[in-house]
Protein backbone atom coordinates (compact mmCIF):
# COMPACT_ATOMS: atom_id res chain seq x y z
CA MET A 1 -84.31 51.54 31.77
CA ARG A 2 -83.63 50.05 35.12
CA MET A 3 -84.92 46.68 33.99
CA ARG A 4 -82.64 46.73 30.87
CA ARG A 5 -79.57 47.69 32.94
CA PHE A 6 -80.30 44.82 35.31
CA ILE A 7 -80.50 42.37 32.40
CA TRP A 8 -77.09 43.53 31.00
CA LEU A 9 -75.44 43.26 34.40
CA GLY A 10 -76.82 39.77 34.88
CA ALA A 11 -75.57 38.65 31.49
CA GLY A 12 -72.07 39.98 32.17
CA LEU A 13 -71.94 38.24 35.53
CA ILE A 14 -72.95 34.94 33.95
CA ALA A 15 -70.23 35.30 31.28
CA VAL A 16 -67.50 35.97 33.86
CA VAL A 17 -68.57 33.06 36.03
CA GLY A 18 -68.79 30.75 32.99
CA GLY A 19 -65.29 31.71 31.74
CA SER A 20 -63.74 31.14 35.15
CA ALA A 21 -65.37 27.75 35.36
CA THR A 22 -63.96 26.82 31.94
CA VAL A 23 -60.41 27.86 32.88
CA TRP A 24 -60.73 25.92 36.13
CA ALA A 25 -62.07 22.83 34.39
CA LEU A 26 -59.44 22.79 31.53
CA HIS A 27 -55.79 22.96 32.68
CA THR A 28 -52.52 21.76 31.10
CA VAL A 29 -50.81 18.64 32.48
CA SER A 30 -47.13 17.80 31.70
CA GLU A 31 -46.19 14.14 31.56
CA VAL A 32 -42.64 12.79 31.23
CA ARG A 33 -42.33 9.72 29.07
CA VAL A 34 -39.10 7.72 29.38
CA THR A 35 -37.82 4.94 27.13
CA THR A 36 -35.31 2.45 28.50
CA ALA A 37 -33.18 -0.41 27.20
CA ALA A 38 -31.72 -3.28 29.15
CA VAL A 39 -28.04 -4.00 29.74
CA THR A 40 -27.32 -7.46 28.34
CA ALA A 41 -24.54 -10.03 28.19
CA GLY A 42 -23.35 -11.29 24.83
CA PRO A 43 -20.76 -10.90 22.06
CA ILE A 44 -19.42 -7.63 20.70
CA ALA A 45 -17.88 -7.60 17.22
CA ARG A 46 -16.51 -4.35 15.94
CA ARG A 47 -16.84 -3.57 12.24
CA VAL A 48 -14.16 -1.43 10.61
CA ALA A 49 -15.10 0.73 7.64
CA ALA A 50 -12.26 1.71 5.32
CA THR A 51 -11.58 2.65 1.72
CA GLY A 52 -9.55 0.45 -0.60
CA THR A 53 -8.54 0.07 -4.23
CA LEU A 54 -9.00 -2.98 -6.43
CA GLN A 55 -5.92 -4.28 -8.21
CA ALA A 56 -4.75 -7.40 -9.98
CA VAL A 57 -2.95 -9.99 -7.87
CA THR A 58 0.09 -9.88 -10.18
CA THR A 59 0.81 -6.83 -12.33
CA VAL A 60 3.92 -6.47 -14.47
CA ASP A 61 5.18 -3.13 -15.73
CA LEU A 62 6.82 -3.93 -19.06
CA GLY A 63 9.54 -1.50 -20.11
CA VAL A 64 12.46 -1.33 -22.54
CA GLN A 65 16.18 -1.62 -21.90
CA VAL A 66 17.32 0.21 -25.04
CA SER A 67 16.46 3.57 -26.53
CA GLY A 68 14.79 3.94 -29.87
CA ILE A 69 11.72 4.87 -31.87
CA VAL A 70 8.59 2.74 -31.58
CA GLN A 71 8.23 1.10 -34.98
CA SER A 72 5.08 -0.98 -34.44
CA LEU A 73 2.57 -2.06 -31.78
CA SER A 74 0.94 -5.48 -31.89
CA VAL A 75 -1.49 -5.16 -28.93
CA ASP A 76 -3.73 -2.56 -27.34
CA PHE A 77 -5.79 -2.08 -24.19
CA ASN A 78 -7.63 -5.23 -23.01
CA SER A 79 -5.61 -7.49 -25.32
CA PHE A 80 -5.00 -11.01 -24.04
CA VAL A 81 -1.33 -11.96 -24.42
CA HIS A 82 0.83 -15.05 -23.88
CA ALA A 83 4.36 -15.37 -22.56
CA GLY A 84 6.87 -14.70 -25.36
CA GLN A 85 4.34 -12.98 -27.61
CA VAL A 86 5.68 -9.92 -29.51
CA LEU A 87 3.93 -6.79 -28.24
CA ALA A 88 5.95 -4.03 -29.92
CA ARG A 89 9.08 -3.37 -31.94
CA LEU A 90 11.60 -0.54 -31.88
CA ASP A 91 13.50 0.64 -34.95
CA PRO A 92 16.40 -1.86 -35.08
CA SER A 93 18.60 -0.15 -37.73
CA SER A 94 21.18 1.37 -35.37
CA TYR A 95 21.46 -1.81 -33.28
CA ASP A 96 21.77 -3.93 -36.41
CA ALA A 97 24.66 -1.72 -37.53
CA GLN A 98 26.30 -2.07 -34.13
CA LEU A 99 26.00 -5.85 -34.40
CA ARG A 100 27.63 -5.91 -37.82
CA GLU A 101 30.41 -3.62 -36.59
CA ALA A 102 31.02 -5.92 -33.60
CA GLN A 103 31.08 -8.95 -35.90
CA ALA A 104 33.65 -7.24 -38.14
CA ALA A 105 35.80 -6.43 -35.11
CA LEU A 106 35.58 -10.07 -34.09
CA ALA A 107 36.75 -11.22 -37.54
CA GLN A 108 39.64 -8.75 -37.37
CA SER A 109 40.64 -10.07 -33.95
CA GLN A 110 40.53 -13.63 -35.21
CA ALA A 111 42.81 -12.67 -38.14
CA ALA A 112 45.21 -11.00 -35.73
CA LEU A 113 45.31 -14.19 -33.70
CA GLY A 114 46.21 -16.16 -36.85
CA ARG A 115 49.07 -13.80 -37.59
CA ALA A 116 50.32 -14.00 -34.01
CA GLU A 117 50.26 -17.80 -34.10
CA ALA A 118 52.21 -17.81 -37.41
CA ASP A 119 54.77 -15.46 -35.89
CA VAL A 120 55.17 -17.81 -32.96
CA LEU A 121 55.97 -20.68 -35.33
CA GLY A 122 58.69 -18.54 -36.95
CA PHE A 123 60.07 -17.56 -33.57
CA GLN A 124 60.16 -21.19 -32.49
CA THR A 125 62.18 -22.11 -35.66
CA ALA A 126 64.58 -19.25 -35.06
CA ARG A 127 65.04 -20.28 -31.47
CA ASP A 128 65.72 -23.90 -32.43
CA ASP A 129 68.30 -22.76 -35.02
CA ALA A 130 69.98 -20.51 -32.49
CA GLN A 131 70.02 -23.39 -30.02
CA VAL A 132 71.82 -25.66 -32.53
CA LYS A 133 74.35 -22.95 -33.38
CA LEU A 134 75.05 -22.25 -29.73
CA THR A 135 75.62 -25.96 -29.04
CA ARG A 136 78.05 -26.24 -31.97
CA ALA A 137 79.87 -23.07 -30.90
CA GLU A 138 80.28 -24.31 -27.35
CA ALA A 139 81.80 -27.60 -28.68
CA LEU A 140 84.21 -25.75 -30.96
CA ALA A 141 85.15 -23.34 -28.20
CA ALA A 142 85.97 -26.28 -25.94
CA ASN A 143 88.54 -27.44 -28.51
CA GLN A 144 89.69 -23.82 -29.00
CA LEU A 145 88.63 -23.94 -32.65
CA ILE A 146 86.71 -20.62 -32.47
CA THR A 147 87.33 -17.44 -30.65
CA GLN A 148 85.53 -16.33 -27.50
CA SER A 149 83.78 -13.58 -29.42
CA ASP A 150 82.17 -16.09 -31.78
CA LEU A 151 80.89 -18.07 -28.77
CA ASP A 152 79.44 -14.92 -27.22
CA ALA A 153 77.73 -14.03 -30.49
CA ALA A 154 76.09 -17.47 -30.61
CA ARG A 155 74.81 -17.07 -27.07
CA ILE A 156 73.44 -13.60 -27.83
CA ALA A 157 71.67 -14.89 -30.93
CA PHE A 158 70.05 -17.68 -28.87
CA ASP A 159 68.87 -15.25 -26.16
CA GLU A 160 67.34 -12.94 -28.82
CA ALA A 161 65.55 -15.85 -30.47
CA ARG A 162 64.14 -17.00 -27.12
CA ALA A 163 62.96 -13.45 -26.30
CA ASP A 164 61.29 -13.15 -29.69
CA LEU A 165 59.48 -16.42 -29.05
CA ALA A 166 58.23 -15.23 -25.65
CA SER A 167 57.04 -11.98 -27.22
CA GLY A 168 55.23 -13.88 -29.94
CA GLN A 169 53.51 -16.12 -27.40
CA ALA A 170 52.40 -13.01 -25.48
CA GLY A 171 51.01 -11.66 -28.74
CA VAL A 172 48.97 -14.84 -29.14
CA VAL A 173 47.54 -14.41 -25.64
CA GLU A 174 46.72 -10.78 -26.37
CA ALA A 175 45.06 -11.70 -29.63
CA GLY A 176 43.02 -14.34 -27.81
CA ALA A 177 41.87 -11.72 -25.25
CA ALA A 178 40.94 -9.38 -28.08
CA ILE A 179 38.84 -12.16 -29.61
CA ALA A 180 37.06 -12.74 -26.29
CA GLN A 181 36.36 -9.00 -26.01
CA ALA A 182 35.09 -8.89 -29.58
CA LYS A 183 32.82 -11.86 -28.92
CA ALA A 184 31.39 -10.09 -25.85
CA ALA A 185 30.76 -7.02 -27.98
CA VAL A 186 29.00 -9.18 -30.54
CA ASP A 187 26.86 -10.78 -27.81
CA GLN A 188 25.99 -7.37 -26.34
CA ALA A 189 25.07 -6.01 -29.74
CA ALA A 190 22.93 -9.09 -30.39
CA VAL A 191 21.19 -8.65 -27.04
CA ASN A 192 20.53 -4.95 -27.74
CA LEU A 193 19.13 -5.87 -31.14
CA ASP A 194 16.90 -8.49 -29.54
CA HIS A 195 15.71 -5.93 -26.97
CA THR A 196 14.18 -3.92 -29.79
CA ILE A 197 11.55 -6.67 -29.90
CA ILE A 198 9.25 -6.31 -26.84
CA ARG A 199 7.80 -9.62 -25.72
CA SER A 200 5.31 -10.40 -22.97
CA PRO A 201 6.92 -12.06 -19.92
CA ILE A 202 3.67 -13.63 -18.69
CA ASP A 203 0.22 -14.76 -19.78
CA GLY A 204 -2.27 -12.03 -19.01
CA ILE A 205 -4.25 -9.03 -20.21
CA VAL A 206 -2.99 -5.56 -21.15
CA ILE A 207 -4.56 -3.07 -18.76
CA ASP A 208 -2.47 -0.03 -19.72
CA ARG A 209 -0.49 1.20 -22.73
CA THR A 210 1.66 4.33 -22.49
CA VAL A 211 3.31 4.59 -25.95
CA ASP A 212 2.32 5.09 -29.58
CA VAL A 213 3.98 4.35 -32.89
CA GLY A 214 6.68 6.92 -33.68
CA GLN A 215 7.34 7.82 -30.06
CA THR A 216 11.01 8.09 -29.06
CA LEU A 217 12.02 6.22 -25.91
CA ALA A 218 15.13 7.11 -23.92
CA ALA A 219 16.35 4.36 -21.61
CA SER A 220 19.57 6.06 -20.51
CA VAL A 221 18.29 7.12 -17.06
CA GLU A 222 15.16 5.09 -16.37
CA SER A 223 13.48 2.27 -18.22
CA PRO A 224 10.31 3.64 -19.86
CA VAL A 225 7.14 1.64 -19.19
CA LEU A 226 5.32 0.59 -22.35
CA PHE A 227 2.62 -1.76 -21.07
CA ARG A 228 1.08 -2.82 -17.77
CA ILE A 229 0.01 -6.46 -17.86
CA ALA A 230 -2.24 -8.13 -15.28
CA ALA A 231 -1.64 -11.85 -14.89
CA SER A 232 -5.36 -12.57 -14.47
CA LEU A 233 -8.49 -10.66 -13.49
CA THR A 234 -10.43 -13.71 -12.32
CA GLY A 235 -8.73 -13.31 -8.95
CA MET A 236 -8.11 -9.79 -7.63
CA GLN A 237 -7.06 -8.00 -4.48
CA VAL A 238 -8.38 -5.03 -2.55
CA GLN A 239 -5.64 -2.96 -0.96
CA VAL A 240 -7.11 -1.24 2.11
CA ASN A 241 -5.59 1.44 4.32
CA VAL A 242 -6.54 0.58 7.92
CA ASP A 243 -6.00 2.95 10.83
CA GLU A 244 -3.55 1.77 13.46
CA SER A 245 -6.32 1.71 16.09
CA ASP A 246 -8.21 -0.95 14.11
CA VAL A 247 -5.53 -3.45 13.04
CA GLY A 248 -5.24 -5.21 16.41
CA GLY A 249 -8.34 -7.36 15.98
CA MET A 250 -7.85 -8.33 12.33
CA MET A 251 -6.83 -11.90 11.55
CA PRO A 252 -6.01 -13.57 8.22
CA GLY A 253 -9.00 -15.59 7.07
CA ASP A 254 -11.61 -13.06 8.26
CA ALA A 255 -14.56 -12.55 5.92
CA VAL A 256 -14.70 -9.12 4.27
CA SER A 257 -17.48 -7.39 2.38
CA PHE A 258 -17.29 -4.31 0.17
CA GLU A 259 -19.16 -2.17 -2.34
CA VAL A 260 -18.02 -0.31 -5.44
CA GLU A 261 -19.66 2.72 -7.02
CA SER A 262 -20.07 0.95 -10.36
CA TYR A 263 -22.61 -1.46 -8.84
CA PRO A 264 -24.55 0.50 -6.19
CA GLY A 265 -26.39 -1.58 -3.64
CA GLU A 266 -24.53 -4.78 -4.57
CA MET A 267 -22.27 -6.38 -1.96
CA PHE A 268 -19.10 -8.25 -2.90
CA HIS A 269 -17.18 -10.58 -0.61
CA GLY A 270 -13.55 -11.51 -0.04
CA THR A 271 -11.09 -12.89 2.50
CA LEU A 272 -8.48 -11.01 4.48
CA THR A 273 -5.09 -12.58 3.69
CA GLN A 274 -2.53 -10.16 5.07
CA VAL A 275 -1.96 -7.07 7.19
CA ARG A 276 1.42 -5.69 6.20
CA LEU A 277 3.90 -4.68 8.90
CA GLN A 278 5.22 -1.59 7.14
CA PRO A 279 3.40 1.50 8.49
CA ILE A 280 2.26 4.38 6.31
CA ALA A 281 2.61 7.79 7.96
CA GLN A 282 0.42 10.60 6.61
CA LEU A 283 -0.68 14.15 7.42
CA THR A 284 2.56 15.34 8.95
CA VAL A 285 2.58 18.65 10.79
CA PRO A 286 5.64 20.79 11.64
CA ALA A 287 6.88 20.84 15.22
CA THR A 288 9.41 23.52 16.20
CA THR A 289 11.69 23.38 19.22
CA VAL A 290 12.22 26.57 21.20
CA PRO A 291 15.60 28.19 20.43
CA THR A 292 18.01 28.73 23.29
CA SER A 293 21.17 30.75 23.75
CA THR A 294 23.28 27.76 22.69
CA SER A 295 21.16 26.14 19.99
CA PRO A 296 18.75 27.45 17.34
CA GLY A 297 15.19 26.24 16.98
CA VAL A 298 14.71 23.12 14.86
CA THR A 299 11.62 22.32 12.80
CA THR A 300 10.75 18.65 12.38
CA GLN A 301 7.83 16.74 10.83
CA VAL A 302 5.55 14.81 13.19
CA ALA A 303 3.23 12.11 11.82
CA THR A 304 -0.38 12.59 12.89
CA LEU A 305 -1.91 9.55 11.16
CA VAL A 306 -0.45 6.07 10.86
CA SER A 307 -2.14 3.32 8.88
CA TYR A 308 -1.35 -0.16 7.63
CA ILE A 309 -2.17 -1.90 4.36
CA ALA A 310 -4.55 -4.86 4.52
CA ILE A 311 -4.82 -7.21 1.52
CA VAL A 312 -8.19 -8.79 0.70
CA ASP A 313 -8.43 -11.58 -1.90
CA VAL A 314 -11.51 -11.44 -4.13
CA GLN A 315 -12.88 -13.94 -6.64
CA ASN A 316 -13.79 -12.16 -9.88
CA VAL A 317 -14.86 -15.02 -12.13
CA ASP A 318 -17.23 -12.86 -14.20
CA GLN A 319 -14.56 -10.09 -14.36
CA ARG A 320 -17.02 -7.37 -13.45
CA LEU A 321 -14.55 -5.84 -11.03
CA ARG A 322 -11.75 -3.87 -12.65
CA PRO A 323 -8.37 -2.60 -11.48
CA GLY A 324 -8.49 0.86 -9.94
CA MET A 325 -12.08 0.71 -8.68
CA THR A 326 -12.61 2.31 -5.27
CA ALA A 327 -14.10 -0.06 -2.69
CA GLU A 328 -15.90 0.83 0.52
CA VAL A 329 -14.80 -2.06 2.72
CA LEU A 330 -16.20 -3.53 5.94
CA LEU A 331 -13.73 -5.64 7.91
CA ARG A 332 -14.00 -7.50 11.18
CA GLY A 333 -12.19 -5.73 13.98
CA SER A 334 -11.66 -6.59 17.64
CA ARG A 335 -14.31 -8.78 19.25
CA ARG A 336 -15.39 -10.17 22.60
CA GLU A 337 -17.25 -13.44 22.72
CA GLN A 338 -18.87 -12.66 26.09
CA ALA A 339 -19.19 -9.15 27.52
CA VAL A 340 -21.60 -7.01 29.55
CA ARG A 341 -23.07 -4.73 26.89
CA ILE A 342 -24.52 -1.24 27.24
CA PRO A 343 -26.83 -0.03 24.43
CA ASN A 344 -25.16 2.76 22.49
CA SER A 345 -28.36 4.80 22.68
CA ALA A 346 -28.06 4.80 26.49
CA LEU A 347 -24.52 6.21 26.28
CA SER A 348 -25.63 9.05 24.02
CA PHE A 349 -28.59 10.06 26.22
CA ARG A 350 -28.59 13.22 28.34
CA PRO A 351 -31.73 14.46 30.20
CA PRO A 352 -33.18 17.39 28.19
CA ALA A 353 -33.64 20.69 30.01
CA GLU A 354 -37.40 20.71 29.42
CA VAL A 355 -37.69 17.25 31.01
CA LEU A 356 -35.81 18.38 34.09
CA SER A 357 -37.97 21.51 34.21
CA ALA A 358 -41.12 19.43 34.06
CA LEU A 359 -39.85 17.30 36.92
CA ALA A 360 -38.72 20.42 38.81
CA ALA A 361 -35.57 18.48 39.67
CA THR A 362 -31.86 18.26 38.96
CA PRO A 363 -30.15 15.01 37.97
CA ALA A 364 -28.65 13.10 40.86
CA ALA A 365 -25.18 11.55 40.75
CA SER A 366 -24.55 7.92 41.52
CA PRO A 367 -22.80 7.18 44.85
CA SER A 368 -20.12 5.30 42.89
CA SER A 369 -19.23 8.34 40.81
CA ALA A 370 -16.10 9.30 42.72
CA ARG A 371 -14.72 5.75 42.67
CA THR A 372 -15.35 5.29 38.96
CA GLN A 373 -13.92 8.65 37.98
CA ALA A 374 -10.74 7.89 39.87
CA ALA A 375 -10.25 4.54 38.16
CA SER A 376 -7.70 4.33 35.36
CA ASP A 377 -10.16 2.97 32.81
CA PRO A 378 -9.85 3.65 29.07
CA ILE A 379 -13.00 5.79 28.60
CA VAL A 380 -15.30 7.08 31.35
CA ARG A 381 -18.82 7.97 30.24
CA GLN A 382 -22.24 8.38 31.79
CA VAL A 383 -25.49 6.45 31.63
CA TRP A 384 -28.79 7.32 33.32
CA GLU A 385 -31.46 5.55 35.35
CA TYR A 386 -34.97 6.83 36.09
CA ASP A 387 -36.97 5.83 39.19
CA GLY A 388 -40.17 7.65 38.27
CA ARG A 389 -39.20 10.86 40.05
CA GLN A 390 -35.66 11.79 39.01
CA PHE A 391 -32.76 10.85 36.76
CA THR A 392 -29.60 9.40 38.29
CA SER A 393 -26.28 9.48 36.41
CA ILE A 394 -23.96 6.49 36.65
CA PRO A 395 -20.33 6.82 35.46
CA VAL A 396 -19.12 3.74 33.60
CA ALA A 397 -15.82 2.78 32.02
CA THR A 398 -16.31 1.47 28.48
CA GLY A 399 -14.20 -0.49 26.07
CA LEU A 400 -14.91 -2.14 22.73
CA ALA A 401 -17.94 -0.94 20.75
CA ASP A 402 -19.85 -2.08 17.68
CA GLU A 403 -22.89 -0.77 15.83
CA GLY A 404 -25.34 -1.40 18.69
CA TRP A 405 -23.42 -2.13 21.88
CA THR A 406 -20.48 -0.91 23.96
CA GLU A 407 -18.53 -3.11 26.35
CA LEU A 408 -18.82 -2.30 30.08
CA LEU A 409 -15.46 -2.51 31.84
CA SER A 410 -16.42 -1.11 35.24
CA GLY A 411 -19.24 0.78 36.93
CA SER A 412 -22.28 0.08 39.10
CA VAL A 413 -24.30 -1.37 36.21
CA ARG A 414 -25.25 -5.00 35.85
CA ALA A 415 -26.81 -7.14 33.16
CA GLY A 416 -30.59 -6.68 33.30
CA ASP A 417 -30.48 -3.04 34.49
CA ALA A 418 -32.71 -0.66 32.56
CA LEU A 419 -30.96 2.46 31.27
CA VAL A 420 -32.68 5.52 29.82
CA THR A 421 -32.37 5.91 26.06
CA SER A 422 -34.80 8.83 25.55
CA ALA A 423 -37.07 11.16 27.55
CA THR A 424 -39.73 13.56 26.29
CA VAL A 425 -42.35 15.83 27.78
CA GLN A 426 -45.93 15.47 26.57
CA ARG A 427 -48.47 18.11 27.48
CA HIS A 428 -52.26 17.65 27.35
CA HIS A 429 -55.34 19.33 28.75
CA ARG A 430 -57.39 17.66 31.43
CA LEU A 431 -60.86 18.63 32.77
């Protein structure tokens, strides 16, 4: 029994000593691995992503100037048309009746003018006769061969004949004015009748039709639109809304690329031709002034987003692109030909807590921090350096940025400096 107890005690002692030796021989080691990227000098070209809509370069909304019922349609969607071609007709019966009525009024006015001219001829004869009688009466009165009353009667007859002639001549003028008015009515009726025939004003293609045969159109308030005609689809435009912060670097002639959902993965190209000056204000929010004892509060609308329209010309020889398609556009924005560039990954880096714990350290601030923070630079951010023992933060003022780089405006960083872009802790066992 004693021998067996001794054996068990010896075995237990060996096991304890062996386990302690294993724990001593295998222990965990934490290693910090840091990735850096160099600050460089070179160009920065910002790319602006925006959404636009494809449209024809010239689009004409064709309406009607008279009311009526659509009698016939000669074209439909996607029809190619030529200038002067008949596209539709309205029922012309009422306008044809108006034209005939105006023509009858014109004939009546012309007859009235003939009567007035004939009356004038009669009045002229009567005046001439009264003139002769007055002359004879004055001669007889001079020789006292007639009485004074006969002379006065001759003078009165002459004055009445002259007045009748003047009235007749005025009637001729009035009849002439009535003829002119009747002719204008005839012309207007003819124009209205002609407007019942809808013709294309340009060569192009019908991209929209809004009426059908039998539909009644009322043009009393607003001209109804019948067709929308695109001059040509071989050359199109993309109308892009660009935020006000991005328009400063855009120049006419810049190359533009875009995609449309109809052709995924395929890139189309165009040229920026114009950035319009008229702003577009969107997303307004109410702003209320505080009421006082003398004035009530006033609510106004404040614009929170201002954009501008950029026009991009696109060649569409195969006519695969269509009006109304939504385009995801990439435009050239502001650019610097030569700048000190910080990698964007370095600006987004912050030392992870586990890395600092592994180093048993806290990040140190750069001596230039106070100076840089006090500077009136556009954007103050932080980058980090690593000397093998600790991380040091360096405040920098940044400017223009593109997909990979951000411009350095000020800060104690120079081209060639290595900045931390990532840091991880790797643990492994070592004997």
